[in-house]
Protein backbone atom coordinates (compact mmCIF):
# COMPACT_ATOMS: atom_id res chain seq x y z
CA MET A 1 0.00 0.00 0.00
CA THR A 2 1.58 3.28 -1.12
CA LEU A 3 -1.10 5.90 -0.36
CA THR A 4 -1.22 7.83 2.89
CA GLN A 5 -4.34 8.93 4.76
CA ASP A 6 -3.83 12.53 3.60
CA GLU A 7 -3.62 11.40 -0.03
CA VAL A 8 -6.80 9.36 0.35
CA GLU A 9 -8.61 12.43 1.74
CA ARG A 10 -7.63 14.42 -1.34
CA LEU A 11 -8.78 11.68 -3.70
CA ARG A 12 -12.31 11.46 -2.29
CA GLY A 13 -15.19 12.92 -4.27
CA THR A 14 -18.13 14.91 -2.92
CA ASN A 15 -20.10 12.85 -0.39
CA GLU A 16 -17.93 9.72 -0.86
CA ASN A 17 -16.29 7.75 1.94
CA VAL A 18 -13.58 5.68 0.29
CA SER A 19 -11.20 4.41 2.98
CA ILE A 20 -7.62 3.20 3.08
CA ASP A 21 -8.94 -0.27 3.92
CA GLU A 22 -11.13 -0.31 0.80
CA ILE A 23 -8.31 1.02 -1.35
CA GLU A 24 -5.98 -1.70 -0.11
CA ARG A 25 -8.62 -4.43 -0.34
CA ILE A 26 -10.11 -3.51 -3.74
CA TYR A 27 -8.27 -0.83 -5.69
CA LEU A 28 -4.73 -1.97 -4.97
CA SER A 29 -5.69 -5.44 -6.23
CA VAL A 30 -7.22 -3.89 -9.36
CA SER A 31 -4.05 -1.85 -9.91
CA ARG A 32 -2.00 -5.06 -9.68
CA LEU A 33 -4.20 -6.66 -12.32
CA LEU A 34 -3.92 -3.60 -14.57
CA ASN A 35 -0.15 -3.52 -14.04
CA LEU A 36 0.04 -7.09 -15.36
CA HIS A 37 -2.02 -6.13 -18.39
CA VAL A 38 0.09 -3.04 -19.08
CA GLY A 39 3.29 -5.03 -18.71
CA SER A 40 2.04 -7.70 -21.11
CA SER A 41 1.06 -5.01 -23.62
CA GLN A 42 4.49 -3.39 -23.38
CA ASP A 43 6.25 -6.76 -23.77
CA LEU A 44 4.19 -7.54 -26.86
CA ALA A 45 5.04 -4.15 -28.37
CA ARG A 46 8.75 -4.73 -27.76
CA ALA A 47 8.56 -8.22 -29.28
CA THR A 48 6.81 -6.83 -32.36
CA ASP A 49 9.46 -4.11 -32.75
CA LEU A 50 12.19 -6.75 -32.45
CA PHE A 51 10.53 -8.92 -35.08
CA LEU A 52 10.15 -5.98 -37.48
CA GLY A 53 13.61 -4.60 -36.76
CA GLU A 54 12.11 -1.23 -35.87
CA LEU A 55 11.90 0.87 -32.74
CA HIS A 56 8.73 2.83 -32.03
CA GLU A 57 7.59 5.13 -29.26
CA ARG A 58 5.76 3.32 -26.49
CA VAL A 59 2.01 3.30 -27.16
CA PRO A 60 -0.10 4.43 -24.18
CA TYR A 61 -2.33 1.85 -22.52
CA VAL A 62 -5.89 3.20 -22.46
CA ILE A 63 -8.42 2.33 -19.75
CA GLY A 64 -12.09 3.30 -20.07
CA ILE A 65 -14.18 3.85 -16.92
CA ALA A 66 -17.96 4.18 -17.25
CA GLY A 67 -20.98 4.36 -14.97
CA SER A 68 -23.85 6.57 -13.87
CA VAL A 69 -23.81 10.13 -12.64
CA ALA A 70 -22.97 10.13 -8.88
CA VAL A 71 -21.74 6.50 -8.82
CA GLY A 72 -18.12 7.47 -8.12
CA LYS A 73 -16.37 7.18 -11.50
CA SER A 74 -14.15 10.19 -10.84
CA THR A 75 -13.00 8.91 -7.46
CA THR A 76 -12.31 5.47 -8.95
CA SER A 77 -10.27 7.11 -11.72
CA ARG A 78 -8.24 9.26 -9.31
CA VAL A 79 -7.51 6.35 -6.97
CA LEU A 80 -6.39 4.10 -9.82
CA GLN A 81 -4.30 6.93 -11.28
CA ALA A 82 -2.53 7.41 -7.95
CA LEU A 83 -1.88 3.69 -7.51
CA LEU A 84 -0.86 2.94 -11.09
CA ALA A 85 1.60 5.85 -11.18
CA ARG A 86 3.57 4.18 -8.39
CA TRP A 87 4.38 1.11 -10.47
CA PRO A 88 7.87 1.54 -11.97
CA ASN A 89 7.06 0.61 -15.59
CA HIS A 90 4.31 3.22 -16.10
CA PRO A 91 4.82 6.30 -13.92
CA ARG A 92 2.97 8.77 -16.19
CA VAL A 93 -0.79 8.26 -15.80
CA GLU A 94 -3.26 10.83 -17.13
CA ILE A 95 -7.05 11.18 -16.82
CA ILE A 96 -9.37 12.50 -19.52
CA THR A 97 -12.98 13.20 -18.61
CA THR A 98 -15.55 13.26 -21.38
CA ASP A 99 -17.25 16.33 -19.85
CA GLY A 100 -14.83 18.43 -21.90
CA PHE A 101 -16.28 16.90 -25.07
CA LEU A 102 -19.82 18.05 -24.38
CA PHE A 103 -20.97 20.57 -26.93
CA PRO A 104 -20.86 24.12 -25.49
CA ASN A 105 -24.08 25.29 -23.86
CA ALA A 106 -24.74 27.70 -26.73
CA VAL A 107 -24.74 24.77 -29.17
CA LEU A 108 -26.87 22.62 -26.86
CA GLU A 109 -29.40 25.43 -26.48
CA GLU A 110 -29.51 25.98 -30.24
CA ARG A 111 -30.15 22.26 -30.75
CA ARG A 112 -32.59 22.11 -27.81
CA LEU A 113 -30.39 19.61 -26.00
CA MET A 114 -29.78 21.31 -22.64
CA GLU A 115 -32.24 18.90 -21.03
CA ARG A 116 -30.29 16.06 -22.67
CA LYS A 117 -26.90 17.02 -21.27
CA GLY A 118 -25.07 13.76 -20.57
CA PHE A 119 -26.99 11.82 -23.23
CA PRO A 120 -24.88 10.55 -26.16
CA GLU A 121 -26.17 13.19 -28.58
CA ALA A 122 -24.86 15.99 -26.33
CA TYR A 123 -21.22 15.04 -26.97
CA ASP A 124 -18.86 15.87 -29.80
CA VAL A 125 -18.11 12.19 -30.34
CA ARG A 126 -16.02 12.81 -33.43
CA LYS A 127 -13.67 15.11 -31.52
CA LEU A 128 -13.39 12.62 -28.64
CA ILE A 129 -12.45 9.84 -31.05
CA GLU A 130 -9.87 12.06 -32.76
CA VAL A 131 -8.22 12.91 -29.44
CA VAL A 132 -8.09 9.32 -28.17
CA ALA A 133 -6.84 8.09 -31.55
CA ALA A 134 -4.04 10.70 -31.48
CA ILE A 135 -3.05 9.58 -27.98
CA LYS A 136 -3.14 5.93 -28.96
CA SER A 137 -0.99 6.61 -32.02
CA GLY A 138 1.76 7.99 -29.80
CA GLN A 139 1.44 11.67 -30.76
CA ALA A 140 3.86 13.67 -28.60
CA VAL A 141 1.39 16.32 -27.37
CA VAL A 142 -2.39 16.10 -27.55
CA GLU A 143 -4.65 18.96 -26.44
CA VAL A 144 -7.93 18.11 -24.73
CA PRO A 145 -10.87 20.44 -23.98
CA LEU A 146 -11.67 21.24 -20.37
CA TYR A 147 -15.02 21.59 -18.59
CA SER A 148 -16.00 23.71 -15.61
CA HIS A 149 -18.61 22.23 -13.28
CA LEU A 150 -18.86 25.65 -11.67
CA VAL A 151 -20.12 27.41 -14.80
CA TYR A 152 -21.54 24.17 -16.22
CA ASP A 153 -19.88 24.65 -19.60
CA VAL A 154 -16.85 23.86 -21.73
CA LEU A 155 -14.02 26.37 -21.23
CA ASP A 156 -13.36 28.46 -24.35
CA ASP A 157 -9.84 29.66 -23.57
CA GLU A 158 -8.28 26.76 -21.69
CA VAL A 159 -7.13 23.28 -22.73
CA GLY A 160 -5.33 20.39 -21.10
CA ARG A 161 -2.18 18.82 -22.54
CA ILE A 162 -1.46 15.10 -22.65
CA GLU A 163 2.26 14.51 -23.23
CA GLN A 164 3.41 10.96 -23.94
CA PRO A 165 1.74 9.18 -21.03
CA ASP A 166 2.23 5.52 -20.17
CA ILE A 167 -1.44 5.08 -19.25
CA VAL A 168 -4.52 7.17 -20.03
CA ILE A 169 -7.78 6.75 -18.12
CA VAL A 170 -10.83 7.94 -20.09
CA GLU A 171 -13.73 8.50 -17.68
CA GLY A 172 -17.30 9.24 -18.70
CA LEU A 173 -20.94 8.22 -18.72
CA ASN A 174 -21.12 6.66 -22.16
CA VAL A 175 -17.54 5.70 -23.00
CA LEU A 176 -18.30 1.98 -23.34
CA GLN A 177 -20.99 2.51 -25.95
CA SER A 178 -20.95 0.99 -29.39
CA GLY A 179 -23.39 1.69 -32.20
CA SER A 180 -24.10 4.75 -34.31
CA SER A 181 -24.36 8.15 -32.65
CA PRO A 182 -26.27 11.25 -33.75
CA SER A 183 -23.09 13.22 -33.08
CA GLY A 184 -21.10 11.42 -35.74
CA GLY A 185 -18.14 9.10 -35.63
CA GLY A 186 -19.35 6.54 -38.17
CA SER A 187 -18.55 2.93 -37.38
CA VAL A 188 -15.59 3.77 -35.11
CA PHE A 189 -16.27 4.23 -31.39
CA VAL A 190 -14.09 5.57 -28.63
CA SER A 191 -14.30 2.21 -26.84
CA ASP A 192 -12.49 0.65 -29.83
CA TYR A 193 -9.31 2.31 -28.53
CA PHE A 194 -9.59 0.96 -24.99
CA ASP A 195 -7.25 -1.79 -23.84
CA PHE A 196 -9.27 -2.40 -20.67
CA LYS A 197 -12.83 -1.39 -19.73
CA ILE A 198 -14.22 -0.83 -16.21
CA TYR A 199 -17.84 -0.22 -15.18
CA VAL A 200 -18.72 1.22 -11.76
CA ASP A 201 -22.12 -0.12 -10.72
CA ALA A 202 -24.75 0.14 -7.98
CA GLU A 203 -28.51 -0.24 -7.64
CA GLU A 204 -30.35 2.63 -9.34
CA ALA A 205 -32.30 3.54 -6.19
CA THR A 206 -28.99 3.77 -4.31
CA ILE A 207 -27.39 5.98 -6.96
CA ARG A 208 -30.47 8.19 -6.99
CA GLU A 209 -30.12 8.79 -3.25
CA TRP A 210 -26.38 9.48 -3.66
CA TYR A 211 -27.27 12.06 -6.28
CA VAL A 212 -29.72 13.74 -3.89
CA GLN A 213 -27.14 13.75 -1.07
CA ARG A 214 -24.51 15.19 -3.41
CA PHE A 215 -27.00 17.90 -4.40
CA PHE A 216 -27.38 18.77 -0.70
CA ALA A 217 -23.60 18.91 -0.27
CA LEU A 218 -23.14 21.13 -3.32
CA ARG A 219 -25.94 23.41 -2.15
CA GLU A 220 -23.78 24.21 0.87
CA SER A 221 -20.58 24.67 -1.15
CA ALA A 222 -20.30 25.17 -4.92
CA PHE A 223 -23.88 26.38 -5.45
CA SER A 224 -23.28 29.27 -3.05
CA ASP A 225 -20.58 30.71 -5.36
CA PRO A 226 -22.20 33.56 -7.33
CA ARG A 227 -20.38 32.36 -10.47
CA SER A 228 -22.09 28.96 -10.26
CA PHE A 229 -24.59 28.01 -12.95
CA PHE A 230 -26.65 26.49 -10.11
CA THR A 231 -26.51 29.44 -7.72
CA ARG A 232 -30.33 29.66 -7.85
CA TYR A 233 -30.46 26.40 -5.90
CA ALA A 234 -28.34 27.67 -2.98
CA SER A 235 -31.32 29.17 -1.15
CA LEU A 236 -33.58 26.11 -1.37
CA ASP A 237 -34.68 24.58 1.91
CA ASP A 238 -34.21 20.85 2.49
CA GLY A 239 -37.63 19.87 1.13
CA GLU A 240 -37.26 22.00 -2.01
CA ALA A 241 -33.70 20.77 -2.55
CA ARG A 242 -34.76 17.11 -2.35
CA ARG A 243 -37.70 17.63 -4.72
CA THR A 244 -35.46 19.50 -7.18
CA ALA A 245 -32.73 16.86 -7.11
CA GLU A 246 -35.20 14.00 -7.49
CA ASP A 247 -36.89 15.79 -10.40
CA ILE A 248 -33.57 16.27 -12.20
CA TRP A 249 -32.74 12.61 -11.65
CA ASP A 250 -36.13 11.36 -12.82
CA ARG A 251 -36.15 13.54 -15.95
CA ILE A 252 -32.50 13.33 -17.03
CA ASN A 253 -30.03 11.15 -15.15
CA GLY A 254 -32.30 8.19 -14.48
CA PRO A 255 -33.49 7.80 -18.09
CA ASN A 256 -29.92 8.24 -19.37
CA LEU A 257 -28.74 5.48 -17.03
CA THR A 258 -31.51 3.11 -18.11
CA GLU A 259 -31.40 3.84 -21.83
CA ASN A 260 -27.71 4.41 -22.53
CA ILE A 261 -25.31 3.71 -19.68
CA LEU A 262 -26.48 0.50 -17.99
CA PRO A 263 -26.71 -1.44 -21.30
CA THR A 264 -22.94 -0.97 -21.72
CA ARG A 265 -22.11 -2.77 -18.46
CA ASP A 266 -21.82 -6.13 -20.22
CA ARG A 267 -19.03 -4.73 -22.41
CA ALA A 268 -16.78 -4.14 -19.41
CA ASP A 269 -13.79 -6.31 -18.55
CA LEU A 270 -14.22 -5.48 -14.87
CA VAL A 271 -17.35 -4.46 -12.92
CA LEU A 272 -17.07 -2.83 -9.50
CA THR A 273 -20.41 -3.10 -7.68
CA LYS A 274 -20.97 -0.77 -4.72
CA GLY A 275 -23.27 -1.05 -1.74
CA ALA A 276 -25.29 1.70 -0.10
CA ASP A 277 -22.25 2.89 1.91
CA HIS A 278 -20.30 3.59 -1.33
CA ALA A 279 -17.91 0.71 -0.64
CA VAL A 280 -17.22 -1.88 -3.35
CA GLU A 281 -18.93 -5.12 -2.34
CA ARG A 282 -18.36 -7.22 -5.43
CA VAL A 283 -15.78 -7.40 -8.22
CA ARG A 284 -16.52 -9.26 -11.43
CA LEU A 285 -13.73 -9.95 -13.92
CA ARG A 286 -14.26 -11.15 -17.47
CA ARG A 287 -11.76 -13.95 -18.02
CA ALA A 288 -12.21 -14.37 -21.77
């Protein structure tokens, strides 16, 4: 175990209670498994180069992490990033979130998709595929768009830079999808570039309550910032806040989970199933 208590505190998401014990029991084991996969991939690449008599740049290993809103994908990604970066053969681990590939609010409003934010048609799928393909091809520097949860929009004047990583974690609601998308992308899907796929799971009723509790937590923190897109919710009392959060879930996040996200669970190589206390209770690994 290489993480300290202070590091674990920083890795936690809003209203999540991941512990050192859980990290050691679950996530450290997953990182060992992924380390074996990465090592095998690197060995195969070296063997291929030897056979061809050529030397190429190391190709990044790409991990996709999917799951519902409020299920803990971001925390899972950060914990695995921290653990994987401590293995000696892949110290550079980057995270890309698909929030940055949402169409800007102005475009969503023009297309009447603001109420569909998070659904597949709200993303610039073609751009996401181009970025992941560039990373997978070994391009030295790849720029990725960034998203602000405070203003609830893609940032116009700021980008992230991915520079020759060993591992890239792509985290998002719909990253394990296959099939045609209204946003474009043809017959190629971002999941085609993943070397390993993880789905973070829990019962829908449990996730719904987590979403409500996160809404309460944000009401006391981020929503109170006058720059926040959701500042109008900061003054809601407990009853109004619960009704608002449940309405948003029932109209947007719940249907998106049922229609688009949950059907991709069977495409995962590894499923982490959480209980009501946010802790992982079951790990399922696809062996073939």
